[in-house]
Amino acid sequence: MLLTSEGRALLDEVRDTDPAQELAVATRLRRGHPAELVSAALGQARLRRRAAAKFGAEDAGRMFFTPNGVEQSTRASVAAYRAGRLKELGVTSVADLCCGIGGDAIALARSGIRVLAVDRDPLTAATARANAEALGLAELIEVREADVTEVDTAGYDAVFVDPARRGGRGRIFDPEAYSPPLSWAIAAARRAPRAAALKVAPGIPHEAVPGDAEAEWISDGGDVKEAVLWFGTGPTATLAQSDPEPGPGAVRATLLPGPRTLLSRGLPDPDVRPPGRYLYEPDGAVIRAHLVAEVAEQLDGGLIDPTIAYVTADEHRPTPYATAYEITDRLPFNVKKLKALLRERRVGTLTVKKRGSAVEPEELRRKTLPKPHGTASVTVFLTRVVGAPTMLLGHPVR
């Protein structure tokens, strides 16, 4: 409906509609267009505005979306990074299984890779096809409506599988409850002639990662986006010669933009030591990948508690893999003492971070800083120090 000349004209007309004016715009447009088409155009305009955060305003303004497609599609920066890795591995064609609205297929095609994009949902497949055409990539992307478990991928030198991880009751945490199950996706990956990538939830247990896969956790702008199980990988040009080599059994954390990649060296857990002058909060991908020890070694630091992923050190050493804070105070957890301290120091902005504490940050802000006392800013960490509930106060190192 929206792909007709009338539908496209309506999309152009409602592109910059203020959400507060939607009713008035819809009333006006329904005088000359079918009500169903007007509603579809306005709904698509809303989805495009939402999608701009993932795809950029230019692409999102030309693409087509479904509500689930916007929610579940890969951020463009992450998809481009993954496509770049496949390109470095010598991949020229990919079977993109469970392609959704085509976000990953678009990134692969823009890397010059030929793509078979498969999804069993008719509307989703149609949306992926429309997006390939809208972005001028239809020659590189073939979209097929089919059950991925029945598709022959023998003509492609790599596969990418993004199983559905949501059901009727929300997120699915058991990899074997994915659709298709992780075991099927792993079998498909092992059949790929050159390489394969399986997108999985960041919370996947490390013991669920097969021994012949490389596991990578990816964050973008500090937010953990996904984990990927790679098959057929080896050393790449993006890694320094002295870095540990990726490949079967390797674990890595990758931070975007960059990319910056930290590979596991199999280090033992860091020593526990009293909080020093600096506290480092590792990136979420580093924590998920269990690479806090590698960061602690870089910083000549230790842990404040054996179960808490905060690294402490006496010197400041800049690292892309953790955010540094200079600590000014260490106090036993006590709401009244914190409230008095904030008043004394004329604090107006309080940032609350927690790890290993049951206290809700918003509740603590409400109790300790109901109104600003001045212009000072403070960050408080609610955590444990060798098992004891503790408040560490400080500020980010600029």
Protein backbone atom coordinates (compact mmCIF):
# COMPACT_ATOMS: atom_id res chain seq x y z
CA MET A 1 0.00 0.00 0.00
CA LEU A 2 2.74 2.48 0.93
CA LEU A 3 4.82 1.33 -2.05
CA THR A 4 2.30 2.76 -4.53
CA SER A 5 2.86 6.21 -6.00
CA GLU A 6 0.04 7.55 -3.81
CA GLY A 7 1.53 5.93 -0.72
CA ARG A 8 5.01 7.29 -1.41
CA ALA A 9 3.61 10.77 -1.99
CA LEU A 10 1.80 10.61 1.34
CA LEU A 11 4.98 9.47 3.09
CA ASP A 12 6.79 12.51 1.71
CA GLU A 13 3.96 14.78 2.83
CA VAL A 14 3.83 13.51 6.42
CA ARG A 15 7.62 13.13 6.82
CA ASP A 16 8.05 16.07 9.23
CA THR A 17 4.68 15.93 10.93
CA ASP A 18 4.74 17.14 14.52
CA PRO A 19 3.29 14.32 16.69
CA ALA A 20 1.06 16.90 18.36
CA GLN A 21 -0.45 17.78 14.97
CA GLU A 22 -1.08 14.22 13.77
CA LEU A 23 -4.85 14.32 14.34
CA ALA A 24 -5.25 17.56 12.38
CA VAL A 25 -3.02 16.29 9.58
CA ALA A 26 -4.90 12.97 9.42
CA THR A 27 -8.26 14.76 9.26
CA ARG A 28 -7.07 16.93 6.39
CA LEU A 29 -5.47 14.11 4.40
CA ARG A 30 -8.49 11.80 4.72
CA ARG A 31 -10.49 14.22 2.58
CA GLY A 32 -8.45 13.14 -0.43
CA HIS A 33 -6.98 9.75 0.47
CA PRO A 34 -8.27 6.47 1.95
CA ALA A 35 -8.27 6.58 5.76
CA GLU A 36 -6.34 3.31 5.95
CA LEU A 37 -3.56 4.69 3.75
CA VAL A 38 -3.33 7.92 5.76
CA SER A 39 -3.05 5.96 9.02
CA ALA A 40 -0.37 3.71 7.52
CA ALA A 41 1.66 6.71 6.31
CA LEU A 42 1.50 8.48 9.67
CA GLY A 43 2.40 5.24 11.47
CA GLN A 44 5.36 4.73 9.17
CA ALA A 45 6.52 8.31 9.80
CA ARG A 46 6.50 7.59 13.54
CA LEU A 47 8.52 4.42 13.02
CA ARG A 48 11.04 6.25 10.86
CA ARG A 49 11.59 8.85 13.57
CA ARG A 50 12.20 6.07 16.10
CA ALA A 51 14.51 4.23 13.71
CA ALA A 52 16.73 7.27 13.14
CA ALA A 53 18.64 6.46 16.35
CA LYS A 54 19.64 3.06 14.94
CA PHE A 55 19.94 3.72 11.22
CA GLY A 56 20.65 7.44 10.98
CA ALA A 57 18.13 10.01 9.78
CA GLU A 58 19.04 9.71 6.09
CA ASP A 59 18.58 5.94 5.80
CA ALA A 60 15.64 5.80 8.20
CA GLY A 61 13.87 8.46 6.15
CA ARG A 62 13.91 6.16 3.09
CA MET A 63 13.40 2.78 4.74
CA PHE A 64 10.25 0.92 5.77
CA PHE A 65 9.68 -0.48 9.25
CA THR A 66 7.44 -2.64 11.38
CA PRO A 67 7.17 -1.99 15.14
CA ASN A 68 9.03 -5.22 15.92
CA GLY A 69 11.55 -4.44 13.21
CA VAL A 70 12.53 -1.14 14.80
CA GLU A 71 12.77 -2.74 18.23
CA GLN A 72 14.74 -5.85 17.27
CA SER A 73 16.93 -4.73 14.36
CA THR A 74 20.69 -4.35 14.75
CA ARG A 75 22.09 -0.86 15.18
CA ALA A 76 23.70 0.19 11.88
CA SER A 77 27.14 0.78 13.45
CA VAL A 78 27.19 -2.74 14.91
CA ALA A 79 25.98 -4.32 11.66
CA ALA A 80 28.67 -2.42 9.70
CA TYR A 81 31.37 -3.62 12.09
CA ARG A 82 30.25 -7.23 11.77
CA ALA A 83 30.05 -6.96 7.98
CA GLY A 84 33.60 -5.57 8.01
CA ARG A 85 34.86 -8.58 9.94
CA LEU A 86 33.25 -10.95 7.47
CA LYS A 87 34.79 -8.99 4.61
CA GLU A 88 38.24 -9.28 6.23
CA LEU A 89 37.72 -13.03 6.45
CA GLY A 90 37.40 -13.16 2.68
CA VAL A 91 33.64 -13.65 2.61
CA THR A 92 31.94 -12.66 -0.66
CA SER A 93 28.47 -14.13 -0.13
CA VAL A 94 26.33 -14.61 2.99
CA ALA A 95 23.07 -16.39 3.76
CA ASP A 96 21.42 -14.03 6.25
CA LEU A 97 19.00 -16.28 8.12
CA CYS A 98 16.21 -14.63 10.16
CA CYS A 99 16.98 -11.38 8.35
CA GLY A 100 14.21 -9.29 9.90
CA ILE A 101 13.67 -5.98 8.11
CA GLY A 102 17.12 -6.27 6.52
CA GLY A 103 19.42 -4.16 8.68
CA ASP A 104 22.28 -6.66 8.60
CA ALA A 105 21.71 -7.48 4.93
CA ILE A 106 22.07 -3.78 4.14
CA ALA A 107 25.40 -3.55 5.98
CA LEU A 108 26.68 -6.69 4.26
CA ALA A 109 25.66 -5.45 0.81
CA ARG A 110 27.30 -2.09 1.43
CA SER A 111 30.51 -4.02 2.13
CA GLY A 112 30.20 -5.53 -1.35
CA ILE A 113 28.94 -8.90 -0.11
CA ARG A 114 26.17 -10.73 -1.97
CA VAL A 115 23.31 -11.62 0.39
CA LEU A 116 20.47 -14.12 0.53
CA ALA A 117 18.13 -12.65 3.18
CA VAL A 118 15.59 -15.13 4.57
CA ASP A 119 12.64 -14.63 6.91
CA ARG A 120 9.50 -16.71 7.31
CA ASP A 121 7.17 -13.82 8.13
CA PRO A 122 5.56 -12.44 4.94
CA LEU A 123 5.35 -8.81 6.12
CA THR A 124 8.90 -8.84 7.46
CA ALA A 125 10.28 -10.31 4.25
CA ALA A 126 8.36 -7.77 2.18
CA THR A 127 9.78 -4.98 4.35
CA ALA A 128 13.33 -6.26 3.89
CA ARG A 129 12.78 -6.37 0.11
CA ALA A 130 11.42 -2.81 0.11
CA ASN A 131 14.42 -1.61 2.11
CA ALA A 132 16.90 -3.20 -0.27
CA GLU A 133 15.18 -1.41 -3.15
CA ALA A 134 14.87 1.90 -1.28
CA LEU A 135 18.61 2.00 -0.57
CA GLY A 136 19.65 0.89 -4.05
CA LEU A 137 20.95 -2.52 -2.94
CA ALA A 138 18.45 -4.83 -4.63
CA GLU A 139 21.11 -6.21 -7.00
CA LEU A 140 23.12 -7.53 -4.07
CA ILE A 141 20.26 -8.63 -1.80
CA GLU A 142 17.86 -11.44 -2.67
CA VAL A 143 15.02 -11.64 -0.14
CA ARG A 144 13.25 -14.96 0.28
CA GLU A 145 10.19 -15.73 2.39
CA ALA A 146 10.91 -19.17 3.84
CA ASP A 147 11.60 -21.20 6.95
CA VAL A 148 15.35 -20.83 7.48
CA THR A 149 15.67 -24.46 8.55
CA GLU A 150 14.60 -25.50 5.05
CA VAL A 151 16.91 -23.20 3.07
CA ASP A 152 19.90 -24.62 1.21
CA THR A 153 22.89 -22.37 1.95
CA ALA A 154 25.43 -24.43 0.00
CA GLY A 155 25.90 -21.67 -2.58
CA TYR A 156 27.12 -19.15 0.03
CA ASP A 157 30.51 -19.11 1.69
CA ALA A 158 29.21 -17.80 5.02
CA VAL A 159 26.05 -17.76 7.10
CA PHE A 160 24.77 -15.20 9.57
CA VAL A 161 22.00 -16.31 11.91
CA ASP A 162 20.00 -13.98 14.14
CA PRO A 163 17.51 -16.23 15.96
CA ALA A 164 14.37 -14.72 17.46
CA ARG A 165 14.96 -14.18 21.18
CA ARG A 166 11.52 -12.90 22.11
CA GLY A 167 8.32 -14.84 22.63
CA GLY A 168 4.81 -14.11 23.77
CA ARG A 169 6.06 -13.54 27.31
CA GLY A 170 9.04 -11.34 26.48
CA ARG A 171 12.74 -12.11 26.27
CA ILE A 172 13.91 -15.70 25.94
CA PHE A 173 16.95 -16.58 28.03
CA ASP A 174 17.35 -20.26 27.19
CA PRO A 175 19.38 -20.48 23.93
CA GLU A 176 17.59 -23.70 23.04
CA ALA A 177 14.28 -21.81 23.17
CA TYR A 178 15.47 -19.38 20.48
CA SER A 179 13.72 -19.65 17.11
CA PRO A 180 15.50 -21.49 15.58
CA PRO A 181 17.31 -23.10 18.55
CA LEU A 182 20.97 -22.26 19.09
CA SER A 183 21.95 -25.89 18.48
CA TRP A 184 20.46 -25.68 14.96
CA ALA A 185 22.24 -22.37 14.30
CA ILE A 186 25.57 -23.87 15.44
CA ALA A 187 25.11 -26.83 13.11
CA ALA A 188 24.37 -24.45 10.23
CA ALA A 189 27.47 -22.41 11.10
CA ARG A 190 29.70 -25.47 11.08
CA ARG A 191 28.51 -26.31 7.56
CA ALA A 192 29.51 -22.90 6.17
CA PRO A 193 32.51 -23.21 3.80
CA ARG A 194 34.38 -20.13 5.03
CA ALA A 195 32.92 -18.44 8.13
CA ALA A 196 29.79 -17.91 10.19
CA ALA A 197 28.43 -15.50 12.78
CA LEU A 198 25.59 -16.22 15.20
CA LYS A 199 24.01 -13.29 17.01
CA VAL A 200 23.00 -14.21 20.57
CA ALA A 201 21.88 -12.41 23.71
CA PRO A 202 24.67 -10.69 25.69
CA GLY A 203 23.67 -12.70 28.74
CA ILE A 204 24.45 -16.06 27.14
CA PRO A 205 26.27 -18.28 29.66
CA HIS A 206 29.91 -18.80 28.77
CA GLU A 207 29.43 -22.53 29.21
CA ALA A 208 26.90 -22.44 26.34
CA VAL A 209 29.60 -21.25 23.91
CA PRO A 210 30.91 -24.22 21.86
CA GLY A 211 34.62 -24.87 22.04
CA ASP A 212 35.15 -24.36 18.31
CA ALA A 213 33.64 -20.86 18.36
CA GLU A 214 35.07 -17.45 19.16
CA ALA A 215 32.81 -15.43 21.44
CA GLU A 216 32.62 -11.65 21.07
CA TRP A 217 30.68 -9.15 23.16
CA ILE A 218 30.00 -5.79 21.47
CA SER A 219 29.12 -2.45 23.01
CA ASP A 220 28.31 0.78 21.20
CA GLY A 221 28.73 4.07 22.99
CA GLY A 222 29.06 2.20 26.27
CA ASP A 223 25.86 0.17 25.87
CA VAL A 224 26.19 -3.61 25.43
CA LYS A 225 24.32 -4.52 22.25
CA GLU A 226 24.93 -8.19 21.56
CA ALA A 227 27.18 -11.21 21.66
CA VAL A 228 28.34 -13.01 18.51
CA LEU A 229 29.61 -16.56 18.14
CA TRP A 230 32.12 -16.69 15.29
CA PHE A 231 33.22 -19.76 13.34
CA GLY A 232 36.12 -19.83 10.89
CA THR A 233 37.93 -16.80 12.31
CA GLY A 234 41.66 -16.20 12.57
CA PRO A 235 44.06 -13.26 13.01
CA THR A 236 42.74 -10.08 11.39
CA ALA A 237 44.31 -6.86 10.22
CA THR A 238 42.55 -4.89 12.96
CA LEU A 239 44.66 -6.52 15.69
CA ALA A 240 48.23 -5.71 16.56
CA GLN A 241 50.87 -8.36 16.00
CA SER A 242 51.45 -8.71 19.75
CA ASP A 243 47.79 -9.32 20.56
CA PRO A 244 46.53 -12.81 21.34
CA GLU A 245 45.11 -14.39 18.21
CA PRO A 246 41.36 -14.80 17.76
CA GLY A 247 39.95 -18.09 16.67
CA PRO A 248 38.33 -21.18 18.23
CA GLY A 249 37.98 -20.76 21.99
CA ALA A 250 38.94 -17.07 21.95
CA VAL A 251 36.93 -14.47 23.88
CA ARG A 252 36.90 -10.79 23.02
CA ALA A 253 35.18 -7.55 23.92
CA THR A 254 34.77 -4.97 21.17
CA LEU A 255 33.91 -1.34 21.81
CA LEU A 256 32.35 0.90 19.19
CA PRO A 257 32.99 3.42 17.81
CA GLY A 258 36.52 2.41 17.03
CA PRO A 259 36.57 -0.51 16.97
CA ARG A 260 38.71 -1.27 19.99
CA THR A 261 39.12 -4.94 20.77
CA LEU A 262 40.34 -6.63 23.94
CA LEU A 263 41.14 -10.34 23.76
CA SER A 264 41.24 -12.78 26.63
CA ARG A 265 44.64 -13.89 27.85
CA GLY A 266 43.27 -16.36 30.37
CA LEU A 267 44.44 -14.32 33.36
CA PRO A 268 43.52 -15.33 36.92
CA ASP A 269 41.17 -13.17 38.95
CA PRO A 270 42.81 -9.93 40.14
CA ASP A 271 43.86 -9.53 43.76
CA VAL A 272 41.47 -7.79 46.15
CA ARG A 273 42.82 -4.57 47.63
CA PRO A 274 41.50 -1.55 49.55
CA PRO A 275 40.05 1.23 47.39
CA GLY A 276 42.79 3.51 46.10
CA ARG A 277 42.62 6.98 44.65
CA TYR A 278 40.94 5.83 41.45
CA LEU A 279 38.01 3.57 40.71
CA TYR A 280 37.50 2.14 37.23
CA GLU A 281 34.14 1.00 35.89
CA PRO A 282 34.80 -1.48 33.06
CA ASP A 283 32.72 -1.28 29.90
CA GLY A 284 29.75 -3.65 29.93
CA ALA A 285 31.19 -5.70 27.06
CA VAL A 286 34.38 -6.24 29.08
CA ILE A 287 32.34 -7.45 32.04
CA ARG A 288 30.14 -9.74 29.95
CA ALA A 289 33.22 -11.22 28.28
CA HIS A 290 34.82 -11.87 31.70
CA LEU A 291 37.84 -9.71 30.80
CA VAL A 292 38.02 -7.56 33.95
CA ALA A 293 41.33 -9.23 34.83
CA GLU A 294 42.84 -8.05 31.52
CA VAL A 295 41.77 -4.48 32.28
CA ALA A 296 43.04 -4.68 35.87
CA GLU A 297 46.45 -5.78 34.60
CA GLN A 298 46.59 -2.80 32.23
CA LEU A 299 45.84 -0.50 35.15
CA ASP A 300 48.09 -2.24 37.68
CA GLY A 301 44.91 -2.46 39.73
CA GLY A 302 42.89 -4.86 41.82
CA LEU A 303 39.29 -5.51 42.83
CA ILE A 304 37.55 -3.84 45.75
CA ASP A 305 35.64 -7.07 46.34
CA PRO A 306 36.09 -10.56 44.85
CA THR A 307 32.52 -10.52 43.47
CA ILE A 308 32.34 -6.91 42.20
CA ALA A 309 33.60 -5.75 38.79
CA TYR A 310 35.08 -2.45 40.00
CA VAL A 311 38.84 -2.04 39.60
CA THR A 312 40.81 0.18 41.95
CA ALA A 313 44.28 1.67 41.44
CA ASP A 314 46.52 4.35 42.91
CA GLU A 315 47.45 5.92 39.57
CA HIS A 316 45.37 7.15 36.68
CA ARG A 317 45.99 5.31 33.42
CA PRO A 318 43.61 6.16 30.58
CA THR A 319 42.03 3.11 28.96
CA PRO A 320 39.18 2.80 26.46
CA TYR A 321 37.95 -0.28 28.30
CA ALA A 322 36.94 1.43 31.57
CA THR A 323 35.75 4.81 32.84
CA ALA A 324 37.93 6.33 35.55
CA TYR A 325 36.68 8.12 38.66
CA GLU A 326 38.75 9.91 41.29
CA ILE A 327 37.52 8.83 44.73
CA THR A 328 37.32 11.46 47.46
CA ASP A 329 35.43 9.62 50.22
CA ARG A 330 34.82 6.11 51.47
CA LEU A 331 31.90 5.67 53.89
CA PRO A 332 29.90 2.79 55.32
CA PHE A 333 26.45 2.79 53.77
CA ASN A 334 24.38 5.33 55.68
CA VAL A 335 21.65 7.46 54.12
CA LYS A 336 21.73 10.17 56.82
CA LYS A 337 25.49 10.62 56.57
CA LEU A 338 25.31 10.88 52.81
CA LYS A 339 22.49 13.43 52.99
CA ALA A 340 24.47 15.57 55.41
CA LEU A 341 27.60 15.36 53.29
CA LEU A 342 25.75 16.45 50.15
CA ARG A 343 24.31 19.43 52.01
CA GLU A 344 27.71 20.37 53.41
CA ARG A 345 29.34 20.29 49.97
CA ARG A 346 26.48 22.13 48.28
CA VAL A 347 25.79 19.37 45.79
CA GLY A 348 23.21 20.02 43.09
CA THR A 349 23.73 17.01 40.86
CA LEU A 350 24.01 13.47 42.24
CA THR A 351 24.84 10.51 40.00
CA VAL A 352 24.23 7.12 41.64
CA LYS A 353 25.86 3.94 40.37
CA LYS A 354 25.55 0.57 41.98
CA ARG A 355 27.02 -2.89 41.79
CA GLY A 356 26.38 -5.43 44.52
CA SER A 357 23.76 -3.28 46.25
CA ALA A 358 20.00 -3.76 46.53
CA VAL A 359 19.35 -0.02 46.93
CA GLU A 360 17.60 1.63 43.96
CA PRO A 361 19.49 4.71 42.68
CA GLU A 362 16.33 6.80 42.22
CA GLU A 363 15.22 6.03 45.78
CA LEU A 364 18.59 7.11 47.16
CA ARG A 365 18.52 10.36 45.15
CA ARG A 366 15.05 11.12 46.45
CA LYS A 367 16.04 10.56 50.06
CA THR A 368 19.43 12.28 50.06
CA LEU A 369 18.98 15.12 47.57
CA PRO A 370 15.29 16.12 47.45
CA LYS A 371 16.36 19.54 46.15
CA PRO A 372 19.72 20.99 44.95
CA HIS A 373 21.97 22.57 47.54
CA GLY A 374 24.29 24.25 45.03
CA THR A 375 26.15 23.61 41.78
CA ALA A 376 28.61 20.87 42.77
CA SER A 377 28.37 17.41 41.20
CA VAL A 378 29.10 14.09 42.91
CA THR A 379 29.06 10.47 41.84
CA VAL A 380 28.32 7.89 44.53
CA PHE A 381 29.00 4.19 44.07
CA LEU A 382 26.82 1.85 46.12
CA THR A 383 28.84 -1.32 46.36
CA ARG A 384 30.66 -3.73 48.64
CA VAL A 385 34.24 -3.51 49.81
CA VAL A 386 35.40 -6.95 50.95
CA GLY A 387 31.78 -7.81 51.66
CA ALA A 388 30.84 -4.63 53.56
CA PRO A 389 28.13 -2.32 52.14
CA THR A 390 30.03 0.83 51.21
CA MET A 391 29.58 4.23 49.58
CA LEU A 392 32.45 5.55 47.46
CA LEU A 393 32.15 9.20 46.45
CA GLY A 394 34.04 10.83 43.63
CA HIS A 395 33.87 12.33 40.14
CA PRO A 396 34.79 11.30 36.61
CA VAL A 397 38.35 11.96 35.55
CA ARG A 398 38.28 14.41 32.66
